[in-house]
Structures are given as C-alpha cells and as structure tokens.
Amino acid sequence: MTRRRPRLTTPYVRRNGSLEPATWDEALDAAAAGLAANRESSWGMFSCSKATNEVNFLAQKFARVAMGSNNIDSCNRT
C-alpha cells in the first residue's frame, strides 16, 4: 500500500525565495499579479484535440480575453 502525503489546506506564496503560508486573498492577488506581469511578453497556448469542445473554447477565451493573445493552436486540424 502506498502512503500519500496529505493535501495542502492553505495556499503558499513565494516570498524572498521561499514558500510561506498565505491567505487565499494574498495567493489570488499574487497569481493575478504574475499573470499581469507576463501578459506583456509574447506567448501562446496549445490546446489538446482530446479535450472537450467546452474546454478548448475556455482555453481560447482565456488566451484571447484574459491574456490578450491570438496565439492559440491545437492539433485538431491534423
């Protein structure tokens, strides 16, 4: 029988190079700040053809609306 580690019950945020416990608001703010900082860089998204249409639609919406990028592709067309 394999032993599993217990799940995290509190979010962690990296401060000064180490992970420290944080509130959910702090963790979400840190995630939003990280996405906003990377929004200016050039990036794209690749979606899977085995995912449902709904998941691919959400990936497209996230790339275009949240991140402001039209660089989205998938292997559906092959």
N, C-alpha and C. Protein backbone atom coordinates (compact mmCIF):
# COMPACT_ATOMS: atom_id res chain seq x y z
N MET A 1 0.85 -1.18 0.00
CA MET A 1 0.00 0.00 0.00
C MET A 1 0.89 1.24 0.00
N THR A 2 0.55 2.17 -0.85
CA THR A 2 1.34 3.40 -0.94
C THR A 2 0.78 4.45 0.01
N ARG A 3 1.68 5.14 0.64
CA ARG A 3 1.25 6.22 1.52
C ARG A 3 1.23 7.51 0.73
N ARG A 4 0.18 8.23 0.90
CA ARG A 4 0.06 9.51 0.21
C ARG A 4 0.30 10.63 1.20
N ARG A 5 0.94 11.67 0.68
CA ARG A 5 1.14 12.84 1.53
C ARG A 5 -0.20 13.57 1.68
N PRO A 6 -0.45 14.17 2.82
CA PRO A 6 -1.71 14.90 2.98
C PRO A 6 -1.78 16.10 2.04
N ARG A 7 -2.96 16.43 1.63
CA ARG A 7 -3.16 17.57 0.73
C ARG A 7 -2.93 18.87 1.46
N LEU A 8 -2.54 19.88 0.69
CA LEU A 8 -2.37 21.21 1.26
C LEU A 8 -3.75 21.79 1.57
N THR A 9 -3.86 22.44 2.68
CA THR A 9 -5.13 23.06 3.05
C THR A 9 -5.03 24.58 3.08
N THR A 10 -3.85 25.09 2.88
CA THR A 10 -3.65 26.53 2.86
C THR A 10 -2.76 26.88 1.67
N PRO A 11 -3.01 28.00 1.03
CA PRO A 11 -2.16 28.38 -0.11
C PRO A 11 -0.78 28.87 0.36
N TYR A 12 0.18 28.78 -0.53
CA TYR A 12 1.53 29.25 -0.26
C TYR A 12 1.93 30.28 -1.31
N VAL A 13 2.70 31.27 -0.90
CA VAL A 13 3.20 32.31 -1.79
C VAL A 13 4.71 32.37 -1.61
N ARG A 14 5.42 32.53 -2.73
CA ARG A 14 6.88 32.62 -2.66
C ARG A 14 7.27 34.03 -2.25
N ARG A 15 7.97 34.14 -1.12
CA ARG A 15 8.48 35.43 -0.62
C ARG A 15 9.96 35.25 -0.33
N ASN A 16 10.76 36.13 -0.88
CA ASN A 16 12.22 36.08 -0.66
C ASN A 16 12.80 34.70 -0.98
N GLY A 17 12.28 34.07 -2.00
CA GLY A 17 12.83 32.79 -2.45
C GLY A 17 12.31 31.56 -1.74
N SER A 18 11.43 31.70 -0.76
CA SER A 18 10.90 30.52 -0.08
C SER A 18 9.38 30.59 -0.02
N LEU A 19 8.76 29.43 0.02
CA LEU A 19 7.31 29.37 0.09
C LEU A 19 6.84 29.57 1.53
N GLU A 20 5.88 30.47 1.68
CA GLU A 20 5.33 30.76 3.01
C GLU A 20 3.82 30.70 2.96
N PRO A 21 3.17 30.27 4.04
CA PRO A 21 1.71 30.23 4.05
C PRO A 21 1.13 31.63 3.86
N ALA A 22 -0.01 31.69 3.18
CA ALA A 22 -0.66 32.97 2.90
C ALA A 22 -2.17 32.78 2.97
N THR A 23 -2.88 33.88 2.98
CA THR A 23 -4.34 33.81 2.91
C THR A 23 -4.74 33.57 1.46
N TRP A 24 -5.98 33.18 1.25
CA TRP A 24 -6.46 32.96 -0.11
C TRP A 24 -6.43 34.26 -0.92
N ASP A 25 -6.74 35.36 -0.27
CA ASP A 25 -6.71 36.65 -0.98
C ASP A 25 -5.29 37.00 -1.42
N GLU A 26 -4.30 36.76 -0.54
CA GLU A 26 -2.91 37.03 -0.91
C GLU A 26 -2.47 36.13 -2.07
N ALA A 27 -2.86 34.85 -2.02
CA ALA A 27 -2.47 33.91 -3.06
C ALA A 27 -3.10 34.28 -4.40
N LEU A 28 -4.37 34.64 -4.39
CA LEU A 28 -5.03 35.02 -5.64
C LEU A 28 -4.46 36.33 -6.19
N ASP A 29 -4.14 37.27 -5.30
CA ASP A 29 -3.52 38.52 -5.75
C ASP A 29 -2.15 38.25 -6.37
N ALA A 30 -1.38 37.34 -5.77
CA ALA A 30 -0.06 37.00 -6.31
C ALA A 30 -0.20 36.33 -7.68
N ALA A 31 -1.18 35.45 -7.81
CA ALA A 31 -1.41 34.79 -9.11
C ALA A 31 -1.83 35.80 -10.17
N ALA A 32 -2.72 36.71 -9.81
CA ALA A 32 -3.18 37.73 -10.75
C ALA A 32 -2.03 38.66 -11.15
N ALA A 33 -1.18 39.00 -10.19
CA ALA A 33 -0.03 39.86 -10.50
C ALA A 33 0.96 39.15 -11.42
N GLY A 34 1.16 37.86 -11.21
CA GLY A 34 2.05 37.09 -12.08
C GLY A 34 1.53 37.01 -13.50
N LEU A 35 0.21 36.78 -13.65
CA LEU A 35 -0.37 36.75 -14.99
C LEU A 35 -0.29 38.11 -15.65
N ALA A 36 -0.55 39.17 -14.90
CA ALA A 36 -0.49 40.53 -15.46
C ALA A 36 0.93 40.88 -15.90
N ALA A 37 1.92 40.46 -15.13
CA ALA A 37 3.32 40.75 -15.48
C ALA A 37 3.73 40.03 -16.76
N ASN A 38 3.22 38.82 -16.95
CA ASN A 38 3.58 38.05 -18.14
C ASN A 38 2.71 38.37 -19.34
N ARG A 39 1.69 39.15 -19.14
CA ARG A 39 0.79 39.49 -20.24
C ARG A 39 1.50 40.30 -21.31
N GLU A 40 2.49 41.08 -20.92
CA GLU A 40 3.22 41.92 -21.86
C GLU A 40 4.18 41.11 -22.74
N SER A 41 4.60 39.95 -22.27
CA SER A 41 5.54 39.15 -23.06
C SER A 41 4.79 38.37 -24.13
N SER A 42 5.51 37.92 -25.13
CA SER A 42 4.92 37.17 -26.22
C SER A 42 4.78 35.72 -25.81
N TRP A 43 3.61 35.18 -25.91
CA TRP A 43 3.40 33.79 -25.53
C TRP A 43 2.20 33.26 -26.30
N GLY A 44 2.00 31.98 -26.25
CA GLY A 44 0.87 31.36 -26.93
C GLY A 44 0.34 30.21 -26.11
N MET A 45 -0.72 29.61 -26.60
CA MET A 45 -1.35 28.49 -25.91
C MET A 45 -1.62 27.38 -26.91
N PHE A 46 -1.37 26.15 -26.50
CA PHE A 46 -1.65 24.99 -27.33
C PHE A 46 -2.71 24.18 -26.63
N SER A 47 -3.77 23.86 -27.32
CA SER A 47 -4.88 23.13 -26.74
C SER A 47 -4.92 21.71 -27.32
N CYS A 48 -5.47 20.80 -26.58
CA CYS A 48 -5.47 19.38 -26.96
C CYS A 48 -6.74 19.00 -27.72
N SER A 49 -6.58 18.19 -28.75
CA SER A 49 -7.74 17.75 -29.53
C SER A 49 -8.58 16.73 -28.77
N LYS A 50 -8.02 16.11 -27.75
CA LYS A 50 -8.77 15.13 -26.97
C LYS A 50 -9.62 15.78 -25.88
N ALA A 51 -9.43 17.06 -25.67
CA ALA A 51 -10.25 17.79 -24.70
C ALA A 51 -11.62 18.04 -25.31
N THR A 52 -12.58 18.32 -24.48
CA THR A 52 -13.93 18.60 -24.98
C THR A 52 -13.95 19.95 -25.68
N ASN A 53 -14.98 20.16 -26.48
CA ASN A 53 -15.14 21.45 -27.15
C ASN A 53 -15.23 22.58 -26.13
N GLU A 54 -15.88 22.31 -25.01
CA GLU A 54 -16.03 23.33 -23.98
C GLU A 54 -14.69 23.73 -23.38
N VAL A 55 -13.83 22.76 -23.13
CA VAL A 55 -12.50 23.05 -22.57
C VAL A 55 -11.66 23.82 -23.59
N ASN A 56 -11.72 23.42 -24.85
CA ASN A 56 -10.98 24.15 -25.89
C ASN A 56 -11.50 25.57 -26.05
N PHE A 57 -12.81 25.74 -25.93
CA PHE A 57 -13.39 27.08 -26.01
C PHE A 57 -12.90 27.95 -24.86
N LEU A 58 -12.87 27.39 -23.65
CA LEU A 58 -12.38 28.14 -22.49
C LEU A 58 -10.90 28.49 -22.64
N ALA A 59 -10.11 27.58 -23.19
CA ALA A 59 -8.69 27.87 -23.42
C ALA A 59 -8.54 29.02 -24.40
N GLN A 60 -9.35 29.01 -25.46
CA GLN A 60 -9.32 30.09 -26.44
C GLN A 60 -9.72 31.41 -25.81
N LYS A 61 -10.79 31.40 -25.02
CA LYS A 61 -11.25 32.63 -24.37
C LYS A 61 -10.22 33.16 -23.41
N PHE A 62 -9.59 32.27 -22.63
CA PHE A 62 -8.57 32.71 -21.68
C PHE A 62 -7.41 33.37 -22.42
N ALA A 63 -6.94 32.73 -23.50
CA ALA A 63 -5.81 33.28 -24.25
C ALA A 63 -6.15 34.63 -24.85
N ARG A 64 -7.34 34.75 -25.41
CA ARG A 64 -7.68 35.98 -26.12
C ARG A 64 -8.14 37.10 -25.20
N VAL A 65 -8.98 36.78 -24.23
CA VAL A 65 -9.56 37.83 -23.38
C VAL A 65 -8.66 38.15 -22.18
N ALA A 66 -8.28 37.13 -21.43
CA ALA A 66 -7.51 37.38 -20.20
C ALA A 66 -6.07 37.76 -20.50
N MET A 67 -5.45 37.10 -21.49
CA MET A 67 -4.04 37.35 -21.75
C MET A 67 -3.79 38.22 -22.98
N GLY A 68 -4.82 38.50 -23.76
CA GLY A 68 -4.67 39.40 -24.90
C GLY A 68 -3.82 38.85 -26.02
N SER A 69 -3.87 37.54 -26.25
CA SER A 69 -3.05 36.92 -27.29
C SER A 69 -3.94 36.14 -28.26
N ASN A 70 -3.67 36.26 -29.53
CA ASN A 70 -4.36 35.45 -30.53
C ASN A 70 -3.54 34.22 -30.90
N ASN A 71 -2.45 33.99 -30.20
CA ASN A 71 -1.57 32.86 -30.49
C ASN A 71 -2.08 31.61 -29.79
N ILE A 72 -3.10 30.97 -30.39
CA ILE A 72 -3.64 29.74 -29.85
C ILE A 72 -3.78 28.75 -30.99
N ASP A 73 -3.40 27.51 -30.72
CA ASP A 73 -3.44 26.48 -31.74
C ASP A 73 -3.79 25.17 -31.07
N SER A 74 -4.15 24.19 -31.89
CA SER A 74 -4.38 22.83 -31.37
C SER A 74 -4.08 21.85 -32.47
N CYS A 75 -4.05 20.60 -32.14
CA CYS A 75 -3.77 19.57 -33.14
C CYS A 75 -5.06 19.03 -33.76
N ASN A 76 -6.17 19.75 -33.62
CA ASN A 76 -7.45 19.32 -34.18
C ASN A 76 -7.38 19.24 -35.70
N ARG A 77 -6.61 20.07 -36.31
CA ARG A 77 -6.63 20.19 -37.76
C ARG A 77 -5.77 19.16 -38.48
N THR A 78 -5.08 18.31 -37.75
CA THR A 78 -4.23 17.31 -38.42
C THR A 78 -4.98 16.05 -38.68
